[in-house]
Amino acid sequence: MASVSREYVSRIKSGKVALTEEIKGKFTDALEKLNPENPLEMVFDYVRIRFPTQDVRQVVEDILQLKLV
């Protein structure tokens, strides 16, 4: 909705490209269009979470605090 590619957003997040006022305005406008009743609330469709281990049991039980059955 902001007409900004994921690659460009990734470059902004990594500090390779500076966030300009123009791009910031595009993000703000897109957020307001997506959620007009609560402008500027976070809306996202993709999340990647990395855990400090690949041990499934540790992630599920220790980090997520869930019980494996």
PDB file of N, CA and C in Angstrom:
ATOM      1  N   MET A   1       0.822  -1.205   0.000  1.00  0.00           N
ATOM      2  CA  MET A   1       0.000   0.000   0.000  1.00  0.00           C
ATOM      3  C   MET A   1       0.858   1.257   0.000  1.00  0.00           C
ATOM      4  N   ALA A   2       2.068   1.148   0.481  1.00  0.00           N
ATOM      5  CA  ALA A   2       2.951   2.311   0.513  1.00  0.00           C
ATOM      6  C   ALA A   2       3.786   2.414  -0.765  1.00  0.00           C
ATOM      7  N   SER A   3       3.617   1.445  -1.654  1.00  0.00           N
ATOM      8  CA  SER A   3       4.398   1.407  -2.901  1.00  0.00           C
ATOM      9  C   SER A   3       5.898   1.349  -2.635  1.00  0.00           C
ATOM     10  N   VAL A   4       6.266   0.571  -1.624  1.00  0.00           N
ATOM     11  CA  VAL A   4       7.662   0.383  -1.262  1.00  0.00           C
ATOM     12  C   VAL A   4       7.906  -1.130  -1.210  1.00  0.00           C
ATOM     13  N   SER A   5       8.932  -1.593  -1.885  1.00  0.00           N
ATOM     14  CA  SER A   5       9.194  -3.028  -1.930  1.00  0.00           C
ATOM     15  C   SER A   5       9.711  -3.537  -0.579  1.00  0.00           C
ATOM     16  N   ARG A   6       9.529  -4.826  -0.352  1.00  0.00           N
ATOM     17  CA  ARG A   6      10.059  -5.435   0.873  1.00  0.00           C
ATOM     18  C   ARG A   6      11.575  -5.312   0.919  1.00  0.00           C
ATOM     19  N   GLU A   7      12.203  -5.407  -0.246  1.00  0.00           N
ATOM     20  CA  GLU A   7      13.661  -5.273  -0.298  1.00  0.00           C
ATOM     21  C   GLU A   7      14.083  -3.889   0.194  1.00  0.00           C
ATOM     22  N   TYR A   8      13.359  -2.855  -0.238  1.00  0.00           N
ATOM     23  CA  TYR A   8      13.692  -1.495   0.174  1.00  0.00           C
ATOM     24  C   TYR A   8      13.461  -1.321   1.680  1.00  0.00           C
ATOM     25  N   VAL A   9      12.372  -1.902   2.189  1.00  0.00           N
ATOM     26  CA  VAL A   9      12.107  -1.837   3.635  1.00  0.00           C
ATOM     27  C   VAL A   9      13.222  -2.532   4.395  1.00  0.00           C
ATOM     28  N   SER A  10      13.669  -3.681   3.883  1.00  0.00           N
ATOM     29  CA  SER A  10      14.768  -4.405   4.508  1.00  0.00           C
ATOM     30  C   SER A  10      16.037  -3.557   4.533  1.00  0.00           C
ATOM     31  N   ARG A  11      16.284  -2.832   3.456  1.00  0.00           N
ATOM     32  CA  ARG A  11      17.470  -1.975   3.403  1.00  0.00           C
ATOM     33  C   ARG A  11      17.361  -0.822   4.394  1.00  0.00           C
ATOM     34  N   ILE A  12      16.151  -0.315   4.588  1.00  0.00           N
ATOM     35  CA  ILE A  12      15.939   0.743   5.584  1.00  0.00           C
ATOM     36  C   ILE A  12      16.204   0.170   6.986  1.00  0.00           C
ATOM     37  N   LYS A  13      15.635  -1.007   7.271  1.00  0.00           N
ATOM     38  CA  LYS A  13      15.789  -1.623   8.586  1.00  0.00           C
ATOM     39  C   LYS A  13      17.237  -1.949   8.901  1.00  0.00           C
ATOM     40  N   SER A  14      18.008  -2.339   7.889  1.00  0.00           N
ATOM     41  CA  SER A  14      19.408  -2.702   8.123  1.00  0.00           C
ATOM     42  C   SER A  14      20.327  -1.487   8.158  1.00  0.00           C
ATOM     43  N   GLY A  15      19.791  -0.310   7.867  1.00  0.00           N
ATOM     44  CA  GLY A  15      20.599   0.904   7.908  1.00  0.00           C
ATOM     45  C   GLY A  15      21.355   1.186   6.623  1.00  0.00           C
ATOM     46  N   LYS A  16      21.105   0.404   5.587  1.00  0.00           N
ATOM     47  CA  LYS A  16      21.784   0.618   4.307  1.00  0.00           C
ATOM     48  C   LYS A  16      21.213   1.816   3.563  1.00  0.00           C
ATOM     49  N   VAL A  17      19.947   2.143   3.857  1.00  0.00           N
ATOM     50  CA  VAL A  17      19.278   3.281   3.237  1.00  0.00           C
ATOM     51  C   VAL A  17      18.621   4.084   4.351  1.00  0.00           C
ATOM     52  N   ALA A  18      18.690   5.401   4.271  1.00  0.00           N
ATOM     53  CA  ALA A  18      18.074   6.254   5.283  1.00  0.00           C
ATOM     54  C   ALA A  18      16.571   6.365   5.030  1.00  0.00           C
ATOM     55  N   LEU A  19      15.790   6.412   6.099  1.00  0.00           N
ATOM     56  CA  LEU A  19      14.350   6.607   6.001  1.00  0.00           C
ATOM     57  C   LEU A  19      14.090   8.087   5.746  1.00  0.00           C
ATOM     58  N   THR A  20      13.549   8.385   4.581  1.00  0.00           N
ATOM     59  CA  THR A  20      13.274   9.777   4.226  1.00  0.00           C
ATOM     60  C   THR A  20      11.892  10.182   4.719  1.00  0.00           C
ATOM     61  N   GLU A  21      11.654  11.468   4.783  1.00  0.00           N
ATOM     62  CA  GLU A  21      10.338  11.981   5.174  1.00  0.00           C
ATOM     63  C   GLU A  21       9.279  11.541   4.165  1.00  0.00           C
ATOM     64  N   GLU A  22       9.647  11.447   2.890  1.00  0.00           N
ATOM     65  CA  GLU A  22       8.701  11.016   1.856  1.00  0.00           C
ATOM     66  C   GLU A  22       8.237   9.580   2.112  1.00  0.00           C
ATOM     67  N   ILE A  23       9.184   8.688   2.373  1.00  0.00           N
ATOM     68  CA  ILE A  23       8.841   7.283   2.630  1.00  0.00           C
ATOM     69  C   ILE A  23       8.077   7.163   3.943  1.00  0.00           C
ATOM     70  N   LYS A  24       8.490   7.902   4.954  1.00  0.00           N
ATOM     71  CA  LYS A  24       7.781   7.888   6.231  1.00  0.00           C
ATOM     72  C   LYS A  24       6.327   8.313   6.030  1.00  0.00           C
ATOM     73  N   GLY A  25       6.108   9.315   5.191  1.00  0.00           N
ATOM     74  CA  GLY A  25       4.751   9.768   4.873  1.00  0.00           C
ATOM     75  C   GLY A  25       3.949   8.691   4.158  1.00  0.00           C
ATOM     76  N   LYS A  26       4.603   7.950   3.253  1.00  0.00           N
ATOM     77  CA  LYS A  26       3.916   6.859   2.551  1.00  0.00           C
ATOM     78  C   LYS A  26       3.478   5.778   3.534  1.00  0.00           C
ATOM     79  N   PHE A  27       4.348   5.437   4.478  1.00  0.00           N
ATOM     80  CA  PHE A  27       4.002   4.436   5.484  1.00  0.00           C
ATOM     81  C   PHE A  27       2.838   4.924   6.345  1.00  0.00           C
ATOM     82  N   THR A  28       2.894   6.170   6.771  1.00  0.00           N
ATOM     83  CA  THR A  28       1.831   6.736   7.601  1.00  0.00           C
ATOM     84  C   THR A  28       0.502   6.718   6.860  1.00  0.00           C
ATOM     85  N   ASP A  29       0.502   7.141   5.607  1.00  0.00           N
ATOM     86  CA  ASP A  29      -0.729   7.149   4.811  1.00  0.00           C
ATOM     87  C   ASP A  29      -1.289   5.740   4.641  1.00  0.00           C
ATOM     88  N   ALA A  30      -0.416   4.774   4.374  1.00  0.00           N
ATOM     89  CA  ALA A  30      -0.857   3.390   4.194  1.00  0.00           C
ATOM     90  C   ALA A  30      -1.468   2.845   5.485  1.00  0.00           C
ATOM     91  N   LEU A  31      -0.844   3.124   6.627  1.00  0.00           N
ATOM     92  CA  LEU A  31      -1.388   2.663   7.905  1.00  0.00           C
ATOM     93  C   LEU A  31      -2.754   3.267   8.180  1.00  0.00           C
ATOM     94  N   GLU A  32      -2.924   4.546   7.871  1.00  0.00           N
ATOM     95  CA  GLU A  32      -4.208   5.206   8.101  1.00  0.00           C
ATOM     96  C   GLU A  32      -5.291   4.640   7.194  1.00  0.00           C
ATOM     97  N   LYS A  33      -4.941   4.258   5.959  1.00  0.00           N
ATOM     98  CA  LYS A  33      -5.917   3.655   5.044  1.00  0.00           C
ATOM     99  C   LYS A  33      -6.314   2.256   5.504  1.00  0.00           C
ATOM    100  N   LEU A  34      -5.353   1.495   6.038  1.00  0.00           N
ATOM    101  CA  LEU A  34      -5.630   0.139   6.486  1.00  0.00           C
ATOM    102  C   LEU A  34      -6.459   0.094   7.758  1.00  0.00           C
ATOM    103  N   ASN A  35      -6.321   1.090   8.596  1.00  0.00           N
ATOM    104  CA  ASN A  35      -6.978   1.067   9.898  1.00  0.00           C
ATOM    105  C   ASN A  35      -7.456   2.476  10.262  1.00  0.00           C
ATOM    106  N   PRO A  36      -8.475   2.994   9.569  1.00  0.00           N
ATOM    107  CA  PRO A  36      -8.887   4.394   9.776  1.00  0.00           C
ATOM    108  C   PRO A  36      -9.450   4.692  11.166  1.00  0.00           C
ATOM    109  N   GLU A  37     -10.010   3.675  11.856  1.00  0.00           N
ATOM    110  CA  GLU A  37     -10.563   3.922  13.194  1.00  0.00           C
ATOM    111  C   GLU A  37      -9.461   4.120  14.233  1.00  0.00           C
ATOM    112  N   ASN A  38      -8.305   3.491  14.004  1.00  0.00           N
ATOM    113  CA  ASN A  38      -7.183   3.591  14.933  1.00  0.00           C
ATOM    114  C   ASN A  38      -5.915   3.913  14.152  1.00  0.00           C
ATOM    115  N   PRO A  39      -5.794   5.133  13.664  1.00  0.00           N
ATOM    116  CA  PRO A  39      -4.636   5.458  12.837  1.00  0.00           C
ATOM    117  C   PRO A  39      -3.318   5.251  13.569  1.00  0.00           C
ATOM    118  N   LEU A  40      -2.317   4.871  12.805  1.00  0.00           N
ATOM    119  CA  LEU A  40      -0.953   4.679  13.261  1.00  0.00           C
ATOM    120  C   LEU A  40      -0.767   3.492  14.197  1.00  0.00           C
ATOM    121  N   GLU A  41      -1.742   2.578  14.267  1.00  0.00           N
ATOM    122  CA  GLU A  41      -1.505   1.330  14.986  1.00  0.00           C
ATOM    123  C   GLU A  41      -0.751   0.404  14.054  1.00  0.00           C
ATOM    124  N   MET A  42       0.024  -0.483  14.618  1.00  0.00           N
ATOM    125  CA  MET A  42       0.865  -1.377  13.824  1.00  0.00           C
ATOM    126  C   MET A  42       0.024  -2.410  13.092  1.00  0.00           C
ATOM    127  N   VAL A  43       0.258  -2.513  11.793  1.00  0.00           N
ATOM    128  CA  VAL A  43      -0.375  -3.520  10.955  1.00  0.00           C
ATOM    129  C   VAL A  43       0.749  -4.193  10.184  1.00  0.00           C
ATOM    130  N   PHE A  44       0.833  -5.533  10.255  1.00  0.00           N
ATOM    131  CA  PHE A  44       1.863  -6.217   9.491  1.00  0.00           C
ATOM    132  C   PHE A  44       1.364  -7.591   9.093  1.00  0.00           C
ATOM    133  N   ASP A  45       1.935  -8.108   8.010  1.00  0.00           N
ATOM    134  CA  ASP A  45       1.470  -9.375   7.479  1.00  0.00           C
ATOM    135  C   ASP A  45       2.556 -10.441   7.457  1.00  0.00           C
ATOM    136  N   TYR A  46       3.724 -10.138   7.966  1.00  0.00           N
ATOM    137  CA  TYR A  46       4.821 -11.090   7.890  1.00  0.00           C
ATOM    138  C   TYR A  46       5.738 -10.890   9.080  1.00  0.00           C
ATOM    139  N   VAL A  47       6.013 -11.953   9.786  1.00  0.00           N
ATOM    140  CA  VAL A  47       6.913 -11.880  10.933  1.00  0.00           C
ATOM    141  C   VAL A  47       7.859 -13.074  10.875  1.00  0.00           C
ATOM    142  N   ARG A  48       9.118 -12.822  11.056  1.00  0.00           N
ATOM    143  CA  ARG A  48      10.101 -13.905  11.150  1.00  0.00           C
ATOM    144  C   ARG A  48      10.710 -13.827  12.541  1.00  0.00           C
ATOM    145  N   ILE A  49      10.667 -14.955  13.247  1.00  0.00           N
ATOM    146  CA  ILE A  49      11.231 -15.017  14.584  1.00  0.00           C
ATOM    147  C   ILE A  49      12.353 -16.039  14.572  1.00  0.00           C
ATOM    148  N   ARG A  50      13.497 -15.640  15.088  1.00  0.00           N
ATOM    149  CA  ARG A  50      14.628 -16.560  15.194  1.00  0.00           C
ATOM    150  C   ARG A  50      14.905 -16.824  16.661  1.00  0.00           C
ATOM    151  N   PHE A  51      15.099 -18.094  16.971  1.00  0.00           N
ATOM    152  CA  PHE A  51      15.398 -18.477  18.343  1.00  0.00           C
ATOM    153  C   PHE A  51      16.888 -18.770  18.466  1.00  0.00           C
ATOM    154  N   PRO A  52      17.416 -18.653  19.670  1.00  0.00           N
ATOM    155  CA  PRO A  52      18.855 -18.858  19.856  1.00  0.00           C
ATOM    156  C   PRO A  52      19.301 -20.315  19.724  1.00  0.00           C
ATOM    157  N   THR A  53      18.367 -21.197  19.468  1.00  0.00           N
ATOM    158  CA  THR A  53      18.682 -22.617  19.355  1.00  0.00           C
ATOM    159  C   THR A  53      17.774 -23.264  18.318  1.00  0.00           C
ATOM    160  N   GLN A  54      18.193 -24.412  17.819  1.00  0.00           N
ATOM    161  CA  GLN A  54      17.338 -25.174  16.917  1.00  0.00           C
ATOM    162  C   GLN A  54      16.760 -26.394  17.618  1.00  0.00           C
ATOM    163  N   ASP A  55      16.954 -26.466  18.911  1.00  0.00           N
ATOM    164  CA  ASP A  55      16.418 -27.548  19.725  1.00  0.00           C
ATOM    165  C   ASP A  55      14.920 -27.285  19.928  1.00  0.00           C
ATOM    166  N   VAL A  56      14.096 -28.068  19.237  1.00  0.00           N
ATOM    167  CA  VAL A  56      12.648 -27.856  19.255  1.00  0.00           C
ATOM    168  C   VAL A  56      12.089 -27.915  20.666  1.00  0.00           C
ATOM    169  N   ARG A  57      12.513 -28.898  21.433  1.00  0.00           N
ATOM    170  CA  ARG A  57      12.006 -29.037  22.803  1.00  0.00           C
ATOM    171  C   ARG A  57      12.324 -27.784  23.632  1.00  0.00           C
ATOM    172  N   GLN A  58      13.512 -27.266  23.524  1.00  0.00           N
ATOM    173  CA  GLN A  58      13.880 -26.070  24.291  1.00  0.00           C
ATOM    174  C   GLN A  58      13.041 -24.868  23.858  1.00  0.00           C
ATOM    175  N   VAL A  59      12.854 -24.719  22.566  1.00  0.00           N
ATOM    176  CA  VAL A  59      12.055 -23.591  22.073  1.00  0.00           C
ATOM    177  C   VAL A  59      10.623 -23.698  22.589  1.00  0.00           C
ATOM    178  N   VAL A  60      10.015 -24.862  22.436  1.00  0.00           N
ATOM    179  CA  VAL A  60       8.616 -25.036  22.835  1.00  0.00           C
ATOM    180  C   VAL A  60       8.434 -24.936  24.346  1.00  0.00           C
ATOM    181  N   GLU A  61       9.259 -25.628  25.095  1.00  0.00           N
ATOM    182  CA  GLU A  61       9.051 -25.676  26.540  1.00  0.00           C
ATOM    183  C   GLU A  61       9.655 -24.495  27.290  1.00  0.00           C
ATOM    184  N   ASP A  62      10.889 -24.137  26.983  1.00  0.00           N
ATOM    185  CA  ASP A  62      11.576 -23.092  27.748  1.00  0.00           C
ATOM    186  C   ASP A  62      11.242 -21.683  27.269  1.00  0.00           C
ATOM    187  N   ILE A  63      11.215 -21.495  25.971  1.00  0.00           N
ATOM    188  CA  ILE A  63      11.010 -20.144  25.451  1.00  0.00           C
ATOM    189  C   ILE A  63       9.528 -19.816  25.311  1.00  0.00           C
ATOM    190  N   LEU A  64       8.759 -20.715  24.683  1.00  0.00           N
ATOM    191  CA  LEU A  64       7.333 -20.466  24.477  1.00  0.00           C
ATOM    192  C   LEU A  64       6.474 -20.859  25.664  1.00  0.00           C
ATOM    193  N   GLN A  65       7.085 -21.564  26.628  1.00  0.00           N
ATOM    194  CA  GLN A  65       6.385 -21.989  27.833  1.00  0.00           C
ATOM    195  C   GLN A  65       5.156 -22.836  27.518  1.00  0.00           C
ATOM    196  N   LEU A  66       5.306 -23.776  26.566  1.00  0.00           N
ATOM    197  CA  LEU A  66       4.255 -24.714  26.207  1.00  0.00           C
ATOM    198  C   LEU A  66       4.704 -26.117  26.544  1.00  0.00           C
ATOM    199  N   LYS A  67       3.759 -27.010  26.733  1.00  0.00           N
ATOM    200  CA  LYS A  67       4.102 -28.401  27.036  1.00  0.00           C
ATOM    201  C   LYS A  67       3.981 -29.241  25.785  1.00  0.00           C
ATOM    202  N   LEU A  68       5.009 -30.042  25.522  1.00  0.00           N
ATOM    203  CA  LEU A  68       4.945 -30.986  24.416  1.00  0.00           C
ATOM    204  C   LEU A  68       4.159 -32.206  24.877  1.00  0.00           C
ATOM    205  N   VAL A  69       3.278 -32.671  24.043  1.00  0.00           N
ATOM    206  CA  VAL A  69       2.455 -33.843  24.392  1.00  0.00           C
ATOM    207  C   VAL A  69       2.979 -35.053  23.669  1.00  0.00           C
TER     208      VAL A  69
END
